[in-house]
């Protein structure tokens, strides 16, 4: 049975990264956009990252332009926007599709694990998936669920220590 650690993705800087590098961490995966009603959630995501990263938490941002062309920029423009406007320091990845025939394999897996209200489709930007230290999906949260509303779920997941490895 696959876990998040079985996938890789291209970082916003252009290098391929295995998500196994986040093994034993609690991960919040978010499809993002710079011109969305929910774009101010970058600030809340950064605050969560800054608050909990030393406890083994990370946010992974995946820009997506599939919803009303709300992420029109290229990777350099996205990276610049995130760092200068919202001071994002959590890992950002290259722009991907989250729905359809070109959807990233990670998102196909996430949607199979937590289908959501639209029969497995991502509804909009800033849909969030919380991943436990074991690499499995704990929950899926709508774009309207702000990062701050996930604090209790994140702290509960952080309290569960990873199982010892053989």
C-alpha atoms as a PDB file:
ATOM      1  CA  UNK A   1       0.000   0.000   0.000  1.00  0.00           C
ATOM      2  CA  UNK A   2       1.604   3.287  -1.060  1.00  0.00           C
ATOM      3  CA  UNK A   3       2.325   6.187   1.266  1.00  0.00           C
ATOM      4  CA  UNK A   4       3.359   9.772   0.567  1.00  0.00           C
ATOM      5  CA  UNK A   5       6.974   8.585   0.768  1.00  0.00           C
ATOM      6  CA  UNK A   6       6.566   6.650  -2.497  1.00  0.00           C
ATOM      7  CA  UNK A   7       6.268   9.863  -4.531  1.00  0.00           C
ATOM      8  CA  UNK A   8       8.614  12.530  -5.776  1.00  0.00           C
ATOM      9  CA  UNK A   9       8.039  15.982  -7.199  1.00  0.00           C
ATOM     10  CA  UNK A  10      10.007  18.770  -8.830  1.00  0.00           C
ATOM     11  CA  UNK A  11      10.953  21.581  -6.457  1.00  0.00           C
ATOM     12  CA  UNK A  12      10.216  25.119  -7.577  1.00  0.00           C
ATOM     13  CA  UNK A  13      13.965  25.528  -8.207  1.00  0.00           C
ATOM     14  CA  UNK A  14      13.827  22.649 -10.730  1.00  0.00           C
ATOM     15  CA  UNK A  15      15.367  19.740  -8.802  1.00  0.00           C
ATOM     16  CA  UNK A  16      13.546  16.451  -8.303  1.00  0.00           C
ATOM     17  CA  UNK A  17      12.895  15.594  -4.661  1.00  0.00           C
ATOM     18  CA  UNK A  18      11.723  12.354  -3.117  1.00  0.00           C
ATOM     19  CA  UNK A  19       9.021  12.920  -0.534  1.00  0.00           C
ATOM     20  CA  UNK A  20      10.777  10.206   1.474  1.00  0.00           C
ATOM     21  CA  UNK A  21      12.944  13.100   2.689  1.00  0.00           C
ATOM     22  CA  UNK A  22       9.970  14.040   4.895  1.00  0.00           C
ATOM     23  CA  UNK A  23       9.711  10.592   6.485  1.00  0.00           C
ATOM     24  CA  UNK A  24       8.441  10.637  10.093  1.00  0.00           C
ATOM     25  CA  UNK A  25       7.191  14.216   9.737  1.00  0.00           C
ATOM     26  CA  UNK A  26       3.624  15.493   9.792  1.00  0.00           C
ATOM     27  CA  UNK A  27       3.003  17.081   6.392  1.00  0.00           C
ATOM     28  CA  UNK A  28       0.369  19.525   5.170  1.00  0.00           C
ATOM     29  CA  UNK A  29       0.131  19.349   1.364  1.00  0.00           C
ATOM     30  CA  UNK A  30      -1.612  22.322  -0.265  1.00  0.00           C
ATOM     31  CA  UNK A  31      -2.324  23.267  -3.874  1.00  0.00           C
ATOM     32  CA  UNK A  32      -1.667  26.997  -4.010  1.00  0.00           C
ATOM     33  CA  UNK A  33      -2.212  30.017  -6.263  1.00  0.00           C
ATOM     34  CA  UNK A  34      -1.031  33.619  -6.128  1.00  0.00           C
ATOM     35  CA  UNK A  35      -4.194  35.302  -7.449  1.00  0.00           C
ATOM     36  CA  UNK A  36      -6.872  33.471  -5.489  1.00  0.00           C
ATOM     37  CA  UNK A  37      -9.352  34.647  -2.874  1.00  0.00           C
ATOM     38  CA  UNK A  38      -7.567  32.218  -0.537  1.00  0.00           C
ATOM     39  CA  UNK A  39      -4.030  33.439  -1.348  1.00  0.00           C
ATOM     40  CA  UNK A  40      -3.731  35.206   2.046  1.00  0.00           C
ATOM     41  CA  UNK A  41      -3.671  31.685   3.537  1.00  0.00           C
ATOM     42  CA  UNK A  42       0.030  31.671   2.641  1.00  0.00           C
ATOM     43  CA  UNK A  43       0.544  33.743   5.809  1.00  0.00           C
ATOM     44  CA  UNK A  44      -1.254  31.176   7.960  1.00  0.00           C
ATOM     45  CA  UNK A  45       0.600  28.294   6.316  1.00  0.00           C
ATOM     46  CA  UNK A  46       3.927  30.030   6.975  1.00  0.00           C
ATOM     47  CA  UNK A  47       2.944  30.642  10.595  1.00  0.00           C
ATOM     48  CA  UNK A  48       2.080  26.946  11.072  1.00  0.00           C
ATOM     49  CA  UNK A  49       5.385  25.952   9.493  1.00  0.00           C
ATOM     50  CA  UNK A  50       7.386  28.338  11.648  1.00  0.00           C
ATOM     51  CA  UNK A  51       5.547  27.296  14.836  1.00  0.00           C
ATOM     52  CA  UNK A  52       5.743  23.511  14.417  1.00  0.00           C
ATOM     53  CA  UNK A  53       8.690  22.706  12.124  1.00  0.00           C
ATOM     54  CA  UNK A  54      11.058  21.936  15.016  1.00  0.00           C
ATOM     55  CA  UNK A  55       8.524  19.361  16.197  1.00  0.00           C
ATOM     56  CA  UNK A  56       8.623  17.543  12.858  1.00  0.00           C
ATOM     57  CA  UNK A  57       6.027  19.406  10.783  1.00  0.00           C
ATOM     58  CA  UNK A  58       6.268  20.772   7.276  1.00  0.00           C
ATOM     59  CA  UNK A  59       4.046  22.387   4.671  1.00  0.00           C
ATOM     60  CA  UNK A  60       4.507  21.448   1.011  1.00  0.00           C
ATOM     61  CA  UNK A  61       3.108  23.939  -1.491  1.00  0.00           C
ATOM     62  CA  UNK A  62       2.103  22.848  -4.994  1.00  0.00           C
ATOM     63  CA  UNK A  63       1.144  25.773  -7.261  1.00  0.00           C
ATOM     64  CA  UNK A  64      -1.727  24.985  -9.618  1.00  0.00           C
ATOM     65  CA  UNK A  65      -3.268  26.983 -12.469  1.00  0.00           C
ATOM     66  CA  UNK A  66      -6.325  24.785 -13.087  1.00  0.00           C
ATOM     67  CA  UNK A  67      -8.824  27.041 -11.315  1.00  0.00           C
ATOM     68  CA  UNK A  68      -9.769  30.287 -13.104  1.00  0.00           C
ATOM     69  CA  UNK A  69      -6.125  30.860 -14.195  1.00  0.00           C
ATOM     70  CA  UNK A  70      -5.235  31.994 -10.650  1.00  0.00           C
ATOM     71  CA  UNK A  71      -1.579  30.916 -10.930  1.00  0.00           C
ATOM     72  CA  UNK A  72      -0.469  32.326 -14.285  1.00  0.00           C
ATOM     73  CA  UNK A  73       3.199  32.868 -13.437  1.00  0.00           C
ATOM     74  CA  UNK A  74       6.171  30.636 -14.044  1.00  0.00           C
ATOM     75  CA  UNK A  75       8.168  29.038 -11.227  1.00  0.00           C
ATOM     76  CA  UNK A  76      10.477  32.064 -10.816  1.00  0.00           C
ATOM     77  CA  UNK A  77       7.530  34.446 -10.551  1.00  0.00           C
ATOM     78  CA  UNK A  78       5.751  32.150  -8.085  1.00  0.00           C
ATOM     79  CA  UNK A  79       8.860  31.758  -5.913  1.00  0.00           C
ATOM     80  CA  UNK A  80       9.451  35.521  -5.911  1.00  0.00           C
ATOM     81  CA  UNK A  81       5.813  36.241  -5.043  1.00  0.00           C
ATOM     82  CA  UNK A  82       5.782  33.734  -2.186  1.00  0.00           C
ATOM     83  CA  UNK A  83       9.046  34.910  -0.664  1.00  0.00           C
ATOM     84  CA  UNK A  84       8.561  38.673  -1.018  1.00  0.00           C
ATOM     85  CA  UNK A  85       4.850  39.022  -0.256  1.00  0.00           C
ATOM     86  CA  UNK A  86       4.266  36.205   2.267  1.00  0.00           C
ATOM     87  CA  UNK A  87       7.865  35.412   3.364  1.00  0.00           C
ATOM     88  CA  UNK A  88       7.308  31.727   2.600  1.00  0.00           C
ATOM     89  CA  UNK A  89      10.158  29.485   3.717  1.00  0.00           C
ATOM     90  CA  UNK A  90       8.370  26.128   3.549  1.00  0.00           C
ATOM     91  CA  UNK A  91       9.129  23.920   0.528  1.00  0.00           C
ATOM     92  CA  UNK A  92       7.448  24.956  -2.699  1.00  0.00           C
ATOM     93  CA  UNK A  93       7.241  22.762  -5.758  1.00  0.00           C
ATOM     94  CA  UNK A  94       6.862  23.357  -9.491  1.00  0.00           C
ATOM     95  CA  UNK A  95       3.421  24.091 -10.880  1.00  0.00           C
ATOM     96  CA  UNK A  96       1.314  20.957 -11.360  1.00  0.00           C
ATOM     97  CA  UNK A  97      -2.149  19.805 -12.355  1.00  0.00           C
ATOM     98  CA  UNK A  98      -4.237  18.316  -9.558  1.00  0.00           C
ATOM     99  CA  UNK A  99      -7.199  17.116 -11.674  1.00  0.00           C
ATOM    100  CA  UNK A 100      -7.582  15.502 -15.066  1.00  0.00           C
ATOM    101  CA  UNK A 101      -5.397  13.303 -17.209  1.00  0.00           C
ATOM    102  CA  UNK A 102      -2.239  15.312 -16.430  1.00  0.00           C
ATOM    103  CA  UNK A 103      -2.737  15.321 -12.649  1.00  0.00           C
ATOM    104  CA  UNK A 104       0.437  14.702 -10.691  1.00  0.00           C
ATOM    105  CA  UNK A 105       0.621  11.096  -9.381  1.00  0.00           C
ATOM    106  CA  UNK A 106       0.834  12.431  -5.805  1.00  0.00           C
ATOM    107  CA  UNK A 107      -2.525  14.141  -6.221  1.00  0.00           C
ATOM    108  CA  UNK A 108      -4.088  11.068  -7.821  1.00  0.00           C
ATOM    109  CA  UNK A 109      -3.054   9.143  -4.701  1.00  0.00           C
ATOM    110  CA  UNK A 110      -4.251  11.877  -2.310  1.00  0.00           C
ATOM    111  CA  UNK A 111      -7.665  11.963  -3.993  1.00  0.00           C
ATOM    112  CA  UNK A 112      -7.971   8.165  -3.825  1.00  0.00           C
ATOM    113  CA  UNK A 113      -7.144   8.253  -0.116  1.00  0.00           C
ATOM    114  CA  UNK A 114      -9.590  11.085   0.699  1.00  0.00           C
ATOM    115  CA  UNK A 115     -12.174  11.538  -2.048  1.00  0.00           C
ATOM    116  CA  UNK A 116     -13.926  14.705  -0.954  1.00  0.00           C
ATOM    117  CA  UNK A 117     -17.329  15.980  -2.015  1.00  0.00           C
ATOM    118  CA  UNK A 118     -16.668  16.117  -5.765  1.00  0.00           C
ATOM    119  CA  UNK A 119     -16.073  12.412  -6.312  1.00  0.00           C
ATOM    120  CA  UNK A 120     -12.333  12.602  -5.922  1.00  0.00           C
ATOM    121  CA  UNK A 121     -11.693  15.897  -7.677  1.00  0.00           C
ATOM    122  CA  UNK A 122      -9.975  18.864  -6.079  1.00  0.00           C
ATOM    123  CA  UNK A 123     -12.565  21.627  -5.725  1.00  0.00           C
ATOM    124  CA  UNK A 124     -10.296  24.696  -5.745  1.00  0.00           C
ATOM    125  CA  UNK A 125      -6.941  26.107  -4.758  1.00  0.00           C
ATOM    126  CA  UNK A 126      -5.855  25.753  -1.120  1.00  0.00           C
ATOM    127  CA  UNK A 127      -7.364  22.307  -0.634  1.00  0.00           C
ATOM    128  CA  UNK A 128      -5.290  20.766   2.155  1.00  0.00           C
ATOM    129  CA  UNK A 129      -4.240  17.199   2.969  1.00  0.00           C
ATOM    130  CA  UNK A 130      -2.782  16.377   6.374  1.00  0.00           C
ATOM    131  CA  UNK A 131      -0.364  13.452   6.351  1.00  0.00           C
ATOM    132  CA  UNK A 132       0.656  11.586   9.512  1.00  0.00           C
ATOM    133  CA  UNK A 133       4.167  10.526  10.470  1.00  0.00           C
ATOM    134  CA  UNK A 134       3.403   7.112   8.964  1.00  0.00           C
ATOM    135  CA  UNK A 135       2.962   8.677   5.507  1.00  0.00           C
ATOM    136  CA  UNK A 136      -0.805   8.124   5.346  1.00  0.00           C
ATOM    137  CA  UNK A 137      -3.520  10.731   4.859  1.00  0.00           C
ATOM    138  CA  UNK A 138      -5.175  11.808   8.105  1.00  0.00           C
ATOM    139  CA  UNK A 139      -7.643  14.249   6.575  1.00  0.00           C
ATOM    140  CA  UNK A 140      -8.660  16.450   3.690  1.00  0.00           C
ATOM    141  CA  UNK A 141      -9.760  20.043   4.260  1.00  0.00           C
ATOM    142  CA  UNK A 142     -11.629  22.431   2.001  1.00  0.00           C
ATOM    143  CA  UNK A 143     -10.117  25.706   0.809  1.00  0.00           C
ATOM    144  CA  UNK A 144     -12.392  27.571   3.228  1.00  0.00           C
ATOM    145  CA  UNK A 145     -10.712  25.799   6.178  1.00  0.00           C
ATOM    146  CA  UNK A 146      -8.003  28.262   7.105  1.00  0.00           C
ATOM    147  CA  UNK A 147      -4.621  26.986   8.269  1.00  0.00           C
ATOM    148  CA  UNK A 148      -5.391  28.235  11.791  1.00  0.00           C
ATOM    149  CA  UNK A 149      -8.397  25.898  11.986  1.00  0.00           C
ATOM    150  CA  UNK A 150      -6.042  22.929  11.539  1.00  0.00           C
ATOM    151  CA  UNK A 151      -3.879  23.640  14.596  1.00  0.00           C
ATOM    152  CA  UNK A 152      -5.571  21.029  16.837  1.00  0.00           C
ATOM    153  CA  UNK A 153      -5.324  18.362  14.124  1.00  0.00           C
ATOM    154  CA  UNK A 154      -1.650  19.162  13.536  1.00  0.00           C
ATOM    155  CA  UNK A 155      -0.730  19.103  17.230  1.00  0.00           C
ATOM    156  CA  UNK A 156      -2.581  15.793  17.663  1.00  0.00           C
ATOM    157  CA  UNK A 157      -0.681  14.292  14.721  1.00  0.00           C
ATOM    158  CA  UNK A 158       2.631  15.597  16.079  1.00  0.00           C
ATOM    159  CA  UNK A 159       1.931  13.873  19.402  1.00  0.00           C
ATOM    160  CA  UNK A 160       1.991  10.475  17.665  1.00  0.00           C
ATOM    161  CA  UNK A 161       5.612   9.390  17.462  1.00  0.00           C
ATOM    162  CA  UNK A 162       6.829   7.391  14.475  1.00  0.00           C
ATOM    163  CA  UNK A 163       7.122   3.654  14.846  1.00  0.00           C
ATOM    164  CA  UNK A 164      10.697   2.355  15.195  1.00  0.00           C
ATOM    165  CA  UNK A 165      12.235   1.180  11.930  1.00  0.00           C
ATOM    166  CA  UNK A 166      13.746  -2.241  11.506  1.00  0.00           C
END
